[in-house]
Amino acid sequence: MLTGLLVGLILPAAALLLFFAWKGEDTQLLDFFIRQQQNRLLSPLLSLAVLPNLGIFWIFIKRNQYMQARGVIFATLLLAVCVILLKFSA
């Protein structure tokens, strides 16, 4: 389960970093995320970053690695709580 949890947290972080590399425009990483939060775009961005978890979940299920798949689901739920908190924060 720990493997799935780690993969489920690392893949969205990597997706966010790829988006930063694509749209960063010579800013610092923290400044980029602060600006995204000010523009109310951080929660949708994080929601899209979780999509790679669907693929890794499918891979774990196909390989009958159900505990790792459970870890991916748990990581996705943790990130969903973060999205909800970001969505309704001031």
Protein backbone atom coordinates (compact mmCIF):
# COMPACT_ATOMS: atom_id res chain seq x y z
CA MET A 1 0.00 0.00 0.00
CA LEU A 2 2.90 2.33 0.72
CA THR A 3 4.20 1.93 -2.83
CA GLY A 4 0.84 2.93 -4.28
CA LEU A 5 0.58 5.87 -1.89
CA LEU A 6 4.01 7.17 -2.85
CA VAL A 7 3.38 6.71 -6.57
CA GLY A 8 -0.05 8.31 -6.17
CA LEU A 9 1.53 11.39 -4.60
CA ILE A 10 4.62 11.62 -6.82
CA LEU A 11 2.81 11.41 -10.18
CA PRO A 12 0.58 14.46 -9.55
CA ALA A 13 3.59 16.38 -8.22
CA ALA A 14 5.48 15.52 -11.40
CA ALA A 15 2.49 16.61 -13.49
CA LEU A 16 2.42 19.94 -11.64
CA LEU A 17 6.14 20.39 -12.22
CA LEU A 18 5.69 19.65 -15.93
CA PHE A 19 2.96 22.26 -16.11
CA PHE A 20 5.24 24.72 -14.30
CA ALA A 21 8.05 23.99 -16.76
CA TRP A 22 5.64 24.58 -19.62
CA LYS A 23 3.94 27.74 -18.28
CA GLY A 24 6.39 28.98 -15.62
CA GLU A 25 7.55 32.08 -17.53
CA ASP A 26 10.79 32.70 -15.58
CA THR A 27 9.17 32.72 -12.13
CA GLN A 28 10.02 30.83 -8.99
CA LEU A 29 8.00 27.71 -8.28
CA LEU A 30 6.42 29.09 -5.11
CA ASP A 31 5.53 32.38 -6.82
CA PHE A 32 3.93 30.45 -9.64
CA PHE A 33 1.69 28.48 -7.27
CA ILE A 34 0.81 31.61 -5.28
CA ARG A 35 -0.22 33.34 -8.50
CA GLN A 36 -2.28 30.33 -9.54
CA GLN A 37 -4.04 30.38 -6.16
CA GLN A 38 -4.72 34.12 -6.46
CA ASN A 39 -6.24 33.53 -9.89
CA ARG A 40 -8.32 30.66 -8.45
CA LEU A 41 -6.64 28.20 -10.82
CA LEU A 42 -4.71 26.05 -8.37
CA SER A 43 -7.56 23.70 -7.46
CA PRO A 44 -8.46 22.95 -11.11
CA LEU A 45 -4.77 22.52 -11.88
CA LEU A 46 -4.37 20.05 -9.03
CA SER A 47 -7.51 18.24 -10.17
CA LEU A 48 -5.98 17.74 -13.61
CA ALA A 49 -2.64 16.71 -12.11
CA VAL A 50 -4.34 13.74 -10.43
CA LEU A 51 -5.34 12.22 -13.79
CA PRO A 52 -2.10 10.17 -14.16
CA ASN A 53 -3.20 8.27 -11.05
CA LEU A 54 -5.95 6.72 -13.15
CA GLY A 55 -3.37 5.08 -15.40
CA ILE A 56 -1.21 3.77 -12.59
CA PHE A 57 -4.33 2.52 -10.79
CA TRP A 58 -5.29 0.59 -13.92
CA ILE A 59 -1.78 -0.88 -14.18
CA PHE A 60 -1.86 -2.01 -10.56
CA ILE A 61 -5.29 -3.61 -11.02
CA LYS A 62 -4.21 -5.43 -14.19
CA ARG A 63 -1.17 -6.83 -12.35
CA ASN A 64 -3.39 -7.95 -9.42
CA GLN A 65 -1.51 -5.61 -7.06
CA TYR A 66 -4.59 -4.60 -5.12
CA MET A 67 -2.79 -3.15 -2.10
CA GLN A 68 -0.81 -0.77 -4.33
CA ALA A 69 -4.03 0.17 -6.12
CA ARG A 70 -5.57 0.90 -2.72
CA GLY A 71 -2.63 3.18 -1.96
CA VAL A 72 -3.24 5.10 -5.20
CA ILE A 73 -6.90 5.53 -4.24
CA PHE A 74 -5.88 6.78 -0.79
CA ALA A 75 -3.43 9.28 -2.32
CA THR A 76 -6.13 10.46 -4.72
CA LEU A 77 -8.53 10.97 -1.82
CA LEU A 78 -5.90 12.96 0.07
CA LEU A 79 -5.39 15.17 -2.95
CA ALA A 80 -9.16 15.54 -3.33
CA VAL A 81 -9.29 16.94 0.20
CA CYS A 82 -6.55 19.40 -0.76
CA VAL A 83 -8.53 20.44 -3.83
CA ILE A 84 -11.65 21.02 -1.73
CA LEU A 85 -9.68 23.06 0.82
CA LEU A 86 -8.09 25.14 -1.93
CA LYS A 87 -11.42 25.64 -3.66
CA PHE A 88 -13.10 27.08 -0.60
CA SER A 89 -10.16 28.96 0.92
CA ALA A 90 -10.23 32.72 0.94
